[in-house]
């Protein structure tokens, strides 16, 4: 891999981290539930991509870096999806209050 290409990718990754942090800290609390739904959709797409990547690594006979990264991507995206659904469910239960529990 060329050093210029690696430096450009690492720089882009670091800038994405800073931008993501700034965006998340500026979101008001009332928008967290709709954004969580969008994040779940994006994580679902990430899971499909990581599964395809794991399949390509498995069929190619390479279980080194690409297979490990695909596995880590699947695990992290699944944690994000499950956590997102749990938070959304909890917020909806808080909004509904006693109407849902008493019926």
PDB file of N, CA and C in Angstrom:
ATOM      1  N   UNK A   1       0.858  -1.176   0.000  1.00  0.00           N
ATOM      2  CA  UNK A   1       0.000   0.000   0.000  1.00  0.00           C
ATOM      3  C   UNK A   1       0.901   1.234   0.000  1.00  0.00           C
ATOM      4  N   UNK A   2       0.493   2.200  -0.764  1.00  0.00           N
ATOM      5  CA  UNK A   2       1.281   3.422  -0.862  1.00  0.00           C
ATOM      6  C   UNK A   2       1.108   4.275   0.396  1.00  0.00           C
ATOM      7  N   UNK A   3       2.174   4.901   0.875  1.00  0.00           N
ATOM      8  CA  UNK A   3       2.085   5.712   2.099  1.00  0.00           C
ATOM      9  C   UNK A   3       1.123   6.896   1.964  1.00  0.00           C
ATOM     10  N   UNK A   4       1.066   7.491   0.776  1.00  0.00           N
ATOM     11  CA  UNK A   4       0.153   8.635   0.590  1.00  0.00           C
ATOM     12  C   UNK A   4      -1.298   8.206   0.743  1.00  0.00           C
ATOM     13  N   UNK A   5      -1.611   7.033   0.210  1.00  0.00           N
ATOM     14  CA  UNK A   5      -2.969   6.504   0.302  1.00  0.00           C
ATOM     15  C   UNK A   5      -3.331   6.209   1.755  1.00  0.00           C
ATOM     16  N   UNK A   6      -2.396   5.616   2.491  1.00  0.00           N
ATOM     17  CA  UNK A   6      -2.621   5.295   3.900  1.00  0.00           C
ATOM     18  C   UNK A   6      -2.802   6.565   4.725  1.00  0.00           C
ATOM     19  N   UNK A   7      -1.970   7.563   4.498  1.00  0.00           N
ATOM     20  CA  UNK A   7      -2.072   8.825   5.236  1.00  0.00           C
ATOM     21  C   UNK A   7      -3.395   9.518   4.942  1.00  0.00           C
ATOM     22  N   UNK A   8      -3.828   9.501   3.692  1.00  0.00           N
ATOM     23  CA  UNK A   8      -5.108  10.114   3.323  1.00  0.00           C
ATOM     24  C   UNK A   8      -6.267   9.395   3.997  1.00  0.00           C
ATOM     25  N   UNK A   9      -6.237   8.067   4.053  1.00  0.00           N
ATOM     26  CA  UNK A   9      -7.316   7.311   4.690  1.00  0.00           C
ATOM     27  C   UNK A   9      -7.357   7.535   6.197  1.00  0.00           C
ATOM     28  N   UNK A  10      -6.202   7.559   6.838  1.00  0.00           N
ATOM     29  CA  UNK A  10      -6.151   7.791   8.287  1.00  0.00           C
ATOM     30  C   UNK A  10      -6.631   9.208   8.608  1.00  0.00           C
ATOM     31  N   UNK A  11      -6.236  10.180   7.791  1.00  0.00           N
ATOM     32  CA  UNK A  11      -6.683  11.559   7.996  1.00  0.00           C
ATOM     33  C   UNK A  11      -8.194  11.665   7.852  1.00  0.00           C
ATOM     34  N   UNK A  12      -8.746  11.026   6.841  1.00  0.00           N
ATOM     35  CA  UNK A  12     -10.198  11.037   6.640  1.00  0.00           C
ATOM     36  C   UNK A  12     -10.915  10.385   7.807  1.00  0.00           C
ATOM     37  N   UNK A  13     -10.373   9.284   8.311  1.00  0.00           N
ATOM     38  CA  UNK A  13     -10.975   8.596   9.452  1.00  0.00           C
ATOM     39  C   UNK A  13     -10.974   9.476  10.697  1.00  0.00           C
ATOM     40  N   UNK A  14      -9.876  10.140  10.961  1.00  0.00           N
ATOM     41  CA  UNK A  14      -9.787  11.016  12.142  1.00  0.00           C
ATOM     42  C   UNK A  14     -10.744  12.203  12.007  1.00  0.00           C
ATOM     43  N   UNK A  15     -10.822  12.785  10.831  1.00  0.00           N
ATOM     44  CA  UNK A  15     -11.773  13.885  10.619  1.00  0.00           C
ATOM     45  C   UNK A  15     -13.213  13.415  10.798  1.00  0.00           C
ATOM     46  N   UNK A  16     -13.522  12.206  10.355  1.00  0.00           N
ATOM     47  CA  UNK A  16     -14.875  11.663  10.536  1.00  0.00           C
ATOM     48  C   UNK A  16     -15.194  11.470  12.012  1.00  0.00           C
ATOM     49  N   UNK A  17     -14.211  11.062  12.802  1.00  0.00           N
ATOM     50  CA  UNK A  17     -14.418  10.911  14.244  1.00  0.00           C
ATOM     51  C   UNK A  17     -14.748  12.260  14.876  1.00  0.00           C
ATOM     52  N   UNK A  18     -13.960  13.281  14.558  1.00  0.00           N
ATOM     53  CA  UNK A  18     -14.222  14.613  15.126  1.00  0.00           C
ATOM     54  C   UNK A  18     -15.568  15.164  14.683  1.00  0.00           C
ATOM     55  N   UNK A  19     -15.899  15.009  13.410  1.00  0.00           N
ATOM     56  CA  UNK A  19     -17.176  15.501  12.914  1.00  0.00           C
ATOM     57  C   UNK A  19     -18.339  14.774  13.576  1.00  0.00           C
ATOM     58  N   UNK A  20     -18.240  13.457  13.701  1.00  0.00           N
ATOM     59  CA  UNK A  20     -19.293  12.683  14.360  1.00  0.00           C
ATOM     60  C   UNK A  20     -19.479  13.097  15.804  1.00  0.00           C
ATOM     61  N   UNK A  21     -18.388  13.322  16.519  1.00  0.00           N
ATOM     62  CA  UNK A  21     -18.484  13.752  17.920  1.00  0.00           C
ATOM     63  C   UNK A  21     -19.162  15.105  18.028  1.00  0.00           C
ATOM     64  N   UNK A  22     -18.776  16.037  17.173  1.00  0.00           N
ATOM     65  CA  UNK A  22     -19.385  17.367  17.207  1.00  0.00           C
ATOM     66  C   UNK A  22     -20.870  17.312  16.871  1.00  0.00           C
ATOM     67  N   UNK A  23     -21.242  16.501  15.901  1.00  0.00           N
ATOM     68  CA  UNK A  23     -22.654  16.399  15.534  1.00  0.00           C
ATOM     69  C   UNK A  23     -23.484  15.776  16.641  1.00  0.00           C
ATOM     70  N   UNK A  24     -22.970  14.733  17.262  1.00  0.00           N
ATOM     71  CA  UNK A  24     -23.722  14.051  18.317  1.00  0.00           C
ATOM     72  C   UNK A  24     -23.922  14.953  19.526  1.00  0.00           C
ATOM     73  N   UNK A  25     -22.907  15.726  19.892  1.00  0.00           N
ATOM     74  CA  UNK A  25     -23.040  16.580  21.077  1.00  0.00           C
ATOM     75  C   UNK A  25     -23.976  17.763  20.838  1.00  0.00           C
ATOM     76  N   UNK A  26     -24.229  18.119  19.586  1.00  0.00           N
ATOM     77  CA  UNK A  26     -25.088  19.266  19.293  1.00  0.00           C
ATOM     78  C   UNK A  26     -26.558  18.888  19.097  1.00  0.00           C
ATOM     79  N   UNK A  27     -26.898  17.603  19.134  1.00  0.00           N
ATOM     80  CA  UNK A  27     -28.272  17.167  18.897  1.00  0.00           C
ATOM     81  C   UNK A  27     -29.092  17.351  20.177  1.00  0.00           C
ATOM     82  N   UNK A  28     -30.242  18.045  20.097  1.00  0.00           N
ATOM     83  CA  UNK A  28     -31.091  18.176  21.288  1.00  0.00           C
ATOM     84  C   UNK A  28     -31.735  16.841  21.670  1.00  0.00           C
ATOM     85  N   UNK A  29     -32.122  16.720  22.919  1.00  0.00           N
ATOM     86  CA  UNK A  29     -32.668  15.458  23.435  1.00  0.00           C
ATOM     87  C   UNK A  29     -33.953  15.037  22.723  1.00  0.00           C
ATOM     88  N   UNK A  30     -34.733  15.984  22.225  1.00  0.00           N
ATOM     89  CA  UNK A  30     -35.999  15.633  21.569  1.00  0.00           C
ATOM     90  C   UNK A  30     -35.791  14.946  20.224  1.00  0.00           C
ATOM     91  N   UNK A  31     -34.606  15.049  19.655  1.00  0.00           N
ATOM     92  CA  UNK A  31     -34.342  14.421  18.363  1.00  0.00           C
ATOM     93  C   UNK A  31     -33.635  13.081  18.473  1.00  0.00           C
ATOM     94  N   UNK A  32     -33.326  12.630  19.674  1.00  0.00           N
ATOM     95  CA  UNK A  32     -32.550  11.406  19.812  1.00  0.00           C
ATOM     96  C   UNK A  32     -33.300  10.179  19.301  1.00  0.00           C
ATOM     97  N   UNK A  33     -34.609  10.073  19.566  1.00  0.00           N
ATOM     98  CA  UNK A  33     -35.355   8.891  19.120  1.00  0.00           C
ATOM     99  C   UNK A  33     -35.435   8.799  17.601  1.00  0.00           C
ATOM    100  N   UNK A  34     -35.784   9.878  16.877  1.00  0.00           N
ATOM    101  CA  UNK A  34     -35.775   9.749  15.408  1.00  0.00           C
ATOM    102  C   UNK A  34     -34.385   9.462  14.849  1.00  0.00           C
ATOM    103  N   UNK A  35     -33.354  10.033  15.448  1.00  0.00           N
ATOM    104  CA  UNK A  35     -32.004   9.761  14.974  1.00  0.00           C
ATOM    105  C   UNK A  35     -31.584   8.327  15.282  1.00  0.00           C
ATOM    106  N   UNK A  36     -32.077   7.787  16.388  1.00  0.00           N
ATOM    107  CA  UNK A  36     -31.769   6.397  16.727  1.00  0.00           C
ATOM    108  C   UNK A  36     -32.372   5.459  15.686  1.00  0.00           C
ATOM    109  N   UNK A  37     -33.557   5.789  15.179  1.00  0.00           N
ATOM    110  CA  UNK A  37     -34.165   4.963  14.139  1.00  0.00           C
ATOM    111  C   UNK A  37     -33.323   5.002  12.876  1.00  0.00           C
ATOM    112  N   UNK A  38     -32.829   6.167  12.523  1.00  0.00           N
ATOM    113  CA  UNK A  38     -31.945   6.273  11.356  1.00  0.00           C
ATOM    114  C   UNK A  38     -30.647   5.520  11.567  1.00  0.00           C
ATOM    115  N   UNK A  39     -30.108   5.592  12.777  1.00  0.00           N
ATOM    116  CA  UNK A  39     -28.867   4.878  13.073  1.00  0.00           C
ATOM    117  C   UNK A  39     -29.077   3.372  13.001  1.00  0.00           C
ATOM    118  N   UNK A  40     -30.257   2.904  13.424  1.00  0.00           N
ATOM    119  CA  UNK A  40     -30.547   1.478  13.317  1.00  0.00           C
ATOM    120  C   UNK A  40     -30.598   1.039  11.862  1.00  0.00           C
ATOM    121  N   UNK A  41     -31.171   1.862  11.001  1.00  0.00           N
ATOM    122  CA  UNK A  41     -31.224   1.523   9.577  1.00  0.00           C
ATOM    123  C   UNK A  41     -29.819   1.466   8.988  1.00  0.00           C
ATOM    124  N   UNK A  42     -28.982   2.424   9.347  1.00  0.00           N
ATOM    125  CA  UNK A  42     -27.607   2.438   8.843  1.00  0.00           C
ATOM    126  C   UNK A  42     -26.828   1.240   9.388  1.00  0.00           C
ATOM    127  N   UNK A  43     -27.058   0.881  10.646  1.00  0.00           N
ATOM    128  CA  UNK A  43     -26.370  -0.272  11.220  1.00  0.00           C
ATOM    129  C   UNK A  43     -26.825  -1.565  10.552  1.00  0.00           C
ATOM    130  N   UNK A  44     -28.090  -1.628  10.165  1.00  0.00           N
ATOM    131  CA  UNK A  44     -28.568  -2.798   9.438  1.00  0.00           C
ATOM    132  C   UNK A  44     -27.845  -2.951   8.115  1.00  0.00           C
ATOM    133  N   UNK A  45     -27.625  -1.843   7.429  1.00  0.00           N
ATOM    134  CA  UNK A  45     -26.874  -1.876   6.171  1.00  0.00           C
ATOM    135  C   UNK A  45     -25.430  -2.293   6.447  1.00  0.00           C
ATOM    136  N   UNK A  46     -24.870  -1.807   7.552  1.00  0.00           N
ATOM    137  CA  UNK A  46     -23.496  -2.186   7.916  1.00  0.00           C
ATOM    138  C   UNK A  46     -23.397  -3.679   8.197  1.00  0.00           C
ATOM    139  N   UNK A  47     -24.417  -4.243   8.820  1.00  0.00           N
ATOM    140  CA  UNK A  47     -24.405  -5.679   9.108  1.00  0.00           C
ATOM    141  C   UNK A  47     -24.395  -6.479   7.811  1.00  0.00           C
ATOM    142  N   UNK A  48     -25.231  -6.079   6.859  1.00  0.00           N
ATOM    143  CA  UNK A  48     -25.266  -6.787   5.580  1.00  0.00           C
ATOM    144  C   UNK A  48     -23.915  -6.686   4.873  1.00  0.00           C
ATOM    145  N   UNK A  49     -23.324  -5.491   4.860  1.00  0.00           N
ATOM    146  CA  UNK A  49     -22.014  -5.322   4.235  1.00  0.00           C
ATOM    147  C   UNK A  49     -20.937  -6.146   4.915  1.00  0.00           C
ATOM    148  N   UNK A  50     -20.969  -6.196   6.247  1.00  0.00           N
ATOM    149  CA  UNK A  50     -19.967  -6.971   6.982  1.00  0.00           C
ATOM    150  C   UNK A  50     -20.154  -8.466   6.746  1.00  0.00           C
ATOM    151  N   UNK A  51     -21.399  -8.917   6.640  1.00  0.00           N
ATOM    152  CA  UNK A  51     -21.632 -10.332   6.342  1.00  0.00           C
ATOM    153  C   UNK A  51     -21.136 -10.687   4.943  1.00  0.00           C
ATOM    154  N   UNK A  52     -21.354  -9.789   3.995  1.00  0.00           N
ATOM    155  CA  UNK A  52     -20.827 -10.025   2.648  1.00  0.00           C
ATOM    156  C   UNK A  52     -19.306 -10.050   2.682  1.00  0.00           C
ATOM    157  N   UNK A  53     -18.703  -9.138   3.431  1.00  0.00           N
ATOM    158  CA  UNK A  53     -17.246  -9.121   3.563  1.00  0.00           C
ATOM    159  C   UNK A  53     -16.714 -10.381   4.215  1.00  0.00           C
ATOM    160  N   UNK A  54     -17.416 -10.889   5.226  1.00  0.00           N
ATOM    161  CA  UNK A  54     -16.993 -12.127   5.876  1.00  0.00           C
ATOM    162  C   UNK A  54     -17.099 -13.299   4.909  1.00  0.00           C
ATOM    163  N   UNK A  55     -18.158 -13.310   4.084  1.00  0.00           N
ATOM    164  CA  UNK A  55     -18.321 -14.381   3.107  1.00  0.00           C
ATOM    165  C   UNK A  55     -17.209 -14.348   2.058  1.00  0.00           C
ATOM    166  N   UNK A  56     -16.868 -13.155   1.597  1.00  0.00           N
ATOM    167  CA  UNK A  56     -15.787 -13.025   0.616  1.00  0.00           C
ATOM    168  C   UNK A  56     -14.468 -13.495   1.218  1.00  0.00           C
ATOM    169  N   UNK A  57     -14.216 -13.143   2.474  1.00  0.00           N
ATOM    170  CA  UNK A  57     -12.977 -13.571   3.135  1.00  0.00           C
ATOM    171  C   UNK A  57     -12.957 -15.084   3.322  1.00  0.00           C
ATOM    172  N   UNK A  58     -14.110 -15.662   3.660  1.00  0.00           N
ATOM    173  CA  UNK A  58     -14.184 -17.112   3.877  1.00  0.00           C
ATOM    174  C   UNK A  58     -14.001 -17.871   2.571  1.00  0.00           C
ATOM    175  N   UNK A  59     -14.680 -17.435   1.511  1.00  0.00           N
ATOM    176  CA  UNK A  59     -14.571 -18.134   0.229  1.00  0.00           C
ATOM    177  C   UNK A  59     -13.197 -17.952  -0.407  1.00  0.00           C
ATOM    178  N   UNK A  60     -12.562 -16.828  -0.116  1.00  0.00           N
ATOM    179  CA  UNK A  60     -11.229 -16.593  -0.660  1.00  0.00           C
ATOM    180  C   UNK A  60     -10.140 -17.337   0.084  1.00  0.00           C
ATOM    181  N   UNK A  61     -10.492 -17.950   1.199  1.00  0.00           N
ATOM    182  CA  UNK A  61      -9.505 -18.693   1.970  1.00  0.00           C
ATOM    183  C   UNK A  61      -8.692 -17.819   2.904  1.00  0.00           C
ATOM    184  N   UNK A  62      -9.004 -16.533   2.942  1.00  0.00           N
ATOM    185  CA  UNK A  62      -8.253 -15.618   3.796  1.00  0.00           C
ATOM    186  C   UNK A  62      -9.036 -15.375   5.077  1.00  0.00           C
ATOM    187  N   UNK A  63      -8.513 -15.804   6.198  1.00  0.00           N
ATOM    188  CA  UNK A  63      -9.174 -15.556   7.481  1.00  0.00           C
ATOM    189  C   UNK A  63      -8.379 -14.572   8.319  1.00  0.00           C
ATOM    190  N   UNK A  64      -7.417 -13.930   7.717  1.00  0.00           N
ATOM    191  CA  UNK A  64      -6.553 -13.025   8.468  1.00  0.00           C
ATOM    192  C   UNK A  64      -7.282 -11.727   8.784  1.00  0.00           C
ATOM    193  N   UNK A  65      -6.807 -10.653   8.302  1.00  0.00           N
ATOM    194  CA  UNK A  65      -7.293  -9.333   8.688  1.00  0.00           C
ATOM    195  C   UNK A  65      -8.722  -9.084   8.210  1.00  0.00           C
ATOM    196  N   UNK A  66      -9.036  -9.429   6.973  1.00  0.00           N
ATOM    197  CA  UNK A  66     -10.366  -9.122   6.440  1.00  0.00           C
ATOM    198  C   UNK A  66     -11.456  -9.894   7.169  1.00  0.00           C
ATOM    199  N   UNK A  67     -11.208 -11.149   7.487  1.00  0.00           N
ATOM    200  CA  UNK A  67     -12.198 -11.931   8.224  1.00  0.00           C
ATOM    201  C   UNK A  67     -12.401 -11.419   9.636  1.00  0.00           C
ATOM    202  N   UNK A  68     -11.324 -11.052  10.294  1.00  0.00           N
ATOM    203  CA  UNK A  68     -11.416 -10.529  11.664  1.00  0.00           C
ATOM    204  C   UNK A  68     -12.139  -9.195  11.674  1.00  0.00           C
ATOM    205  N   UNK A  69     -11.807  -8.324  10.723  1.00  0.00           N
ATOM    206  CA  UNK A  69     -12.493  -7.030  10.651  1.00  0.00           C
ATOM    207  C   UNK A  69     -13.971  -7.184  10.338  1.00  0.00           C
ATOM    208  N   UNK A  70     -14.320  -8.129   9.479  1.00  0.00           N
ATOM    209  CA  UNK A  70     -15.730  -8.378   9.170  1.00  0.00           C
ATOM    210  C   UNK A  70     -16.468  -8.865  10.407  1.00  0.00           C
ATOM    211  N   UNK A  71     -15.853  -9.753  11.172  1.00  0.00           N
ATOM    212  CA  UNK A  71     -16.475 -10.247  12.403  1.00  0.00           C
ATOM    213  C   UNK A  71     -16.677  -9.124  13.412  1.00  0.00           C
ATOM    214  N   UNK A  72     -15.670  -8.298  13.595  1.00  0.00           N
ATOM    215  CA  UNK A  72     -15.769  -7.168  14.529  1.00  0.00           C
ATOM    216  C   UNK A  72     -16.862  -6.194  14.072  1.00  0.00           C
ATOM    217  N   UNK A  73     -16.953  -5.965  12.762  1.00  0.00           N
ATOM    218  CA  UNK A  73     -17.990  -5.070  12.240  1.00  0.00           C
ATOM    219  C   UNK A  73     -19.380  -5.621  12.507  1.00  0.00           C
ATOM    220  N   UNK A  74     -19.572  -6.919  12.331  1.00  0.00           N
ATOM    221  CA  UNK A  74     -20.881  -7.526  12.600  1.00  0.00           C
ATOM    222  C   UNK A  74     -21.227  -7.384  14.083  1.00  0.00           C
ATOM    223  N   UNK A  75     -20.282  -7.674  14.957  1.00  0.00           N
ATOM    224  CA  UNK A  75     -20.545  -7.605  16.401  1.00  0.00           C
ATOM    225  C   UNK A  75     -20.885  -6.176  16.822  1.00  0.00           C
ATOM    226  N   UNK A  76     -20.109  -5.205  16.388  1.00  0.00           N
ATOM    227  CA  UNK A  76     -20.360  -3.822  16.791  1.00  0.00           C
ATOM    228  C   UNK A  76     -21.680  -3.288  16.229  1.00  0.00           C
ATOM    229  N   UNK A  77     -21.978  -3.621  14.989  1.00  0.00           N
ATOM    230  CA  UNK A  77     -23.237  -3.160  14.406  1.00  0.00           C
ATOM    231  C   UNK A  77     -24.437  -3.807  15.101  1.00  0.00           C
ATOM    232  N   UNK A  78     -24.310  -5.077  15.470  1.00  0.00           N
ATOM    233  CA  UNK A  78     -25.410  -5.737  16.186  1.00  0.00           C
ATOM    234  C   UNK A  78     -25.618  -5.124  17.566  1.00  0.00           C
ATOM    235  N   UNK A  79     -24.534  -4.779  18.246  1.00  0.00           N
ATOM    236  CA  UNK A  79     -24.656  -4.108  19.545  1.00  0.00           C
ATOM    237  C   UNK A  79     -25.389  -2.781  19.374  1.00  0.00           C
ATOM    238  N   UNK A  80     -25.056  -2.056  18.316  1.00  0.00           N
ATOM    239  CA  UNK A  80     -25.702  -0.774  18.055  1.00  0.00           C
ATOM    240  C   UNK A  80     -27.188  -0.951  17.757  1.00  0.00           C
ATOM    241  N   UNK A  81     -27.543  -1.948  16.953  1.00  0.00           N
ATOM    242  CA  UNK A  81     -28.948  -2.175  16.609  1.00  0.00           C
ATOM    243  C   UNK A  81     -29.752  -2.581  17.844  1.00  0.00           C
ATOM    244  N   UNK A  82     -29.253  -3.539  18.603  1.00  0.00           N
ATOM    245  CA  UNK A  82     -29.977  -4.001  19.790  1.00  0.00           C
ATOM    246  C   UNK A  82     -30.099  -2.878  20.818  1.00  0.00           C
ATOM    247  N   UNK A  83     -29.031  -2.135  21.033  1.00  0.00           N
ATOM    248  CA  UNK A  83     -29.093  -1.009  21.965  1.00  0.00           C
ATOM    249  C   UNK A  83     -30.042   0.073  21.488  1.00  0.00           C
ATOM    250  N   UNK A  84     -30.067   0.326  20.196  1.00  0.00           N
ATOM    251  CA  UNK A  84     -30.975   1.328  19.642  1.00  0.00           C
ATOM    252  C   UNK A  84     -32.424   0.946  19.834  1.00  0.00           C
ATOM    253  N   UNK A  85     -32.744  -0.319  19.585  1.00  0.00           N
ATOM    254  CA  UNK A  85     -34.119  -0.765  19.794  1.00  0.00           C
ATOM    255  C   UNK A  85     -34.497  -0.717  21.273  1.00  0.00           C
ATOM    256  N   UNK A  86     -33.571  -1.051  22.153  1.00  0.00           N
ATOM    257  CA  UNK A  86     -33.855  -1.010  23.593  1.00  0.00           C
ATOM    258  C   UNK A  86     -34.119   0.425  24.052  1.00  0.00           C
ATOM    259  N   UNK A  87     -33.300   1.364  23.586  1.00  0.00           N
ATOM    260  CA  UNK A  87     -33.493   2.765  23.968  1.00  0.00           C
ATOM    261  C   UNK A  87     -34.790   3.306  23.395  1.00  0.00           C
ATOM    262  N   UNK A  88     -35.091   2.985  22.135  1.00  0.00           N
ATOM    263  CA  UNK A  88     -36.328   3.455  21.523  1.00  0.00           C
ATOM    264  C   UNK A  88     -37.535   2.889  22.253  1.00  0.00           C
ATOM    265  N   UNK A  89     -37.500   1.610  22.589  1.00  0.00           N
ATOM    266  CA  UNK A  89     -38.611   0.992  23.318  1.00  0.00           C
ATOM    267  C   UNK A  89     -38.791   1.642  24.689  1.00  0.00           C
ATOM    268  N   UNK A  90     -37.710   1.902  25.362  1.00  0.00           N
ATOM    269  CA  UNK A  90     -37.799   2.527  26.688  1.00  0.00           C
ATOM    270  C   UNK A  90     -38.377   3.939  26.598  1.00  0.00           C
ATOM    271  N   UNK A  91     -37.946   4.705  25.582  1.00  0.00           N
ATOM    272  CA  UNK A  91     -38.472   6.063  25.431  1.00  0.00           C
ATOM    273  C   UNK A  91     -39.951   6.037  25.063  1.00  0.00           C
ATOM    274  N   UNK A  92     -40.358   5.096  24.217  1.00  0.00           N
ATOM    275  CA  UNK A  92     -41.778   4.994  23.873  1.00  0.00           C
ATOM    276  C   UNK A  92     -42.611   4.596  25.081  1.00  0.00           C
ATOM    277  N   UNK A  93     -42.087   3.719  25.932  1.00  0.00           N
ATOM    278  CA  UNK A  93     -42.794   3.360  27.164  1.00  0.00           C
ATOM    279  C   UNK A  93     -42.898   4.557  28.104  1.00  0.00           C
ATOM    280  N   UNK A  94     -41.876   5.395  28.151  1.00  0.00           N
ATOM    281  CA  UNK A  94     -41.927   6.583  29.009  1.00  0.00           C
ATOM    282  C   UNK A  94     -42.963   7.574  28.487  1.00  0.00           C
ATOM    283  N   UNK A  95     -43.049   7.708  27.160  1.00  0.00           N
ATOM    284  CA  UNK A  95     -44.002   8.647  26.576  1.00  0.00           C
ATOM    285  C   UNK A  95     -45.431   8.145  26.785  1.00  0.00           C
ATOM    286  N   UNK A  96     -45.656   6.856  26.578  1.00  0.00           N
ATOM    287  CA  UNK A  96     -47.009   6.299  26.696  1.00  0.00           C
ATOM    288  C   UNK A  96     -47.482   6.312  28.147  1.00  0.00           C
ATOM    289  N   UNK A  97     -46.551   6.169  29.066  1.00  0.00           N
ATOM    290  CA  UNK A  97     -46.900   6.220  30.480  1.00  0.00           C
ATOM    291  C   UNK A  97     -47.777   5.057  30.915  1.00  0.00           C
ATOM    292  N   UNK A  98     -48.803   5.379  31.661  1.00  0.00           N
ATOM    293  CA  UNK A  98     -49.654   4.353  32.227  1.00  0.00           C
ATOM    294  C   UNK A  98     -50.719   3.860  31.259  1.00  0.00           C
ATOM    295  N   UNK A  99     -50.865   4.513  30.125  1.00  0.00           N
ATOM    296  CA  UNK A  99     -51.856   4.076  29.153  1.00  0.00           C
ATOM    297  C   UNK A  99     -51.534   2.681  28.621  1.00  0.00           C
ATOM    298  N   UNK A 100     -50.272   2.392  28.351  1.00  0.00           N
ATOM    299  CA  UNK A 100     -49.890   1.092  27.813  1.00  0.00           C
ATOM    300  C   UNK A 100     -49.904   0.019  28.885  1.00  0.00           C
ATOM    301  N   UNK A 101     -49.469   0.359  30.076  1.00  0.00           N
ATOM    302  CA  UNK A 101     -49.385  -0.637  31.128  1.00  0.00           C
ATOM    303  C   UNK A 101     -50.730  -0.986  31.757  1.00  0.00           C
ATOM    304  N   UNK A 102     -51.666  -0.049  31.777  1.00  0.00           N
ATOM    305  CA  UNK A 102     -52.945  -0.284  32.464  1.00  0.00           C
ATOM    306  C   UNK A 102     -53.983  -0.964  31.612  1.00  0.00           C
ATOM    307  N   UNK A 103     -53.808  -1.019  30.315  1.00  0.00           N
ATOM    308  CA  UNK A 103     -54.855  -1.583  29.456  1.00  0.00           C
ATOM    309  C   UNK A 103     -54.777  -3.061  29.366  1.00  0.00           C
TER     310      UNK A 103
END
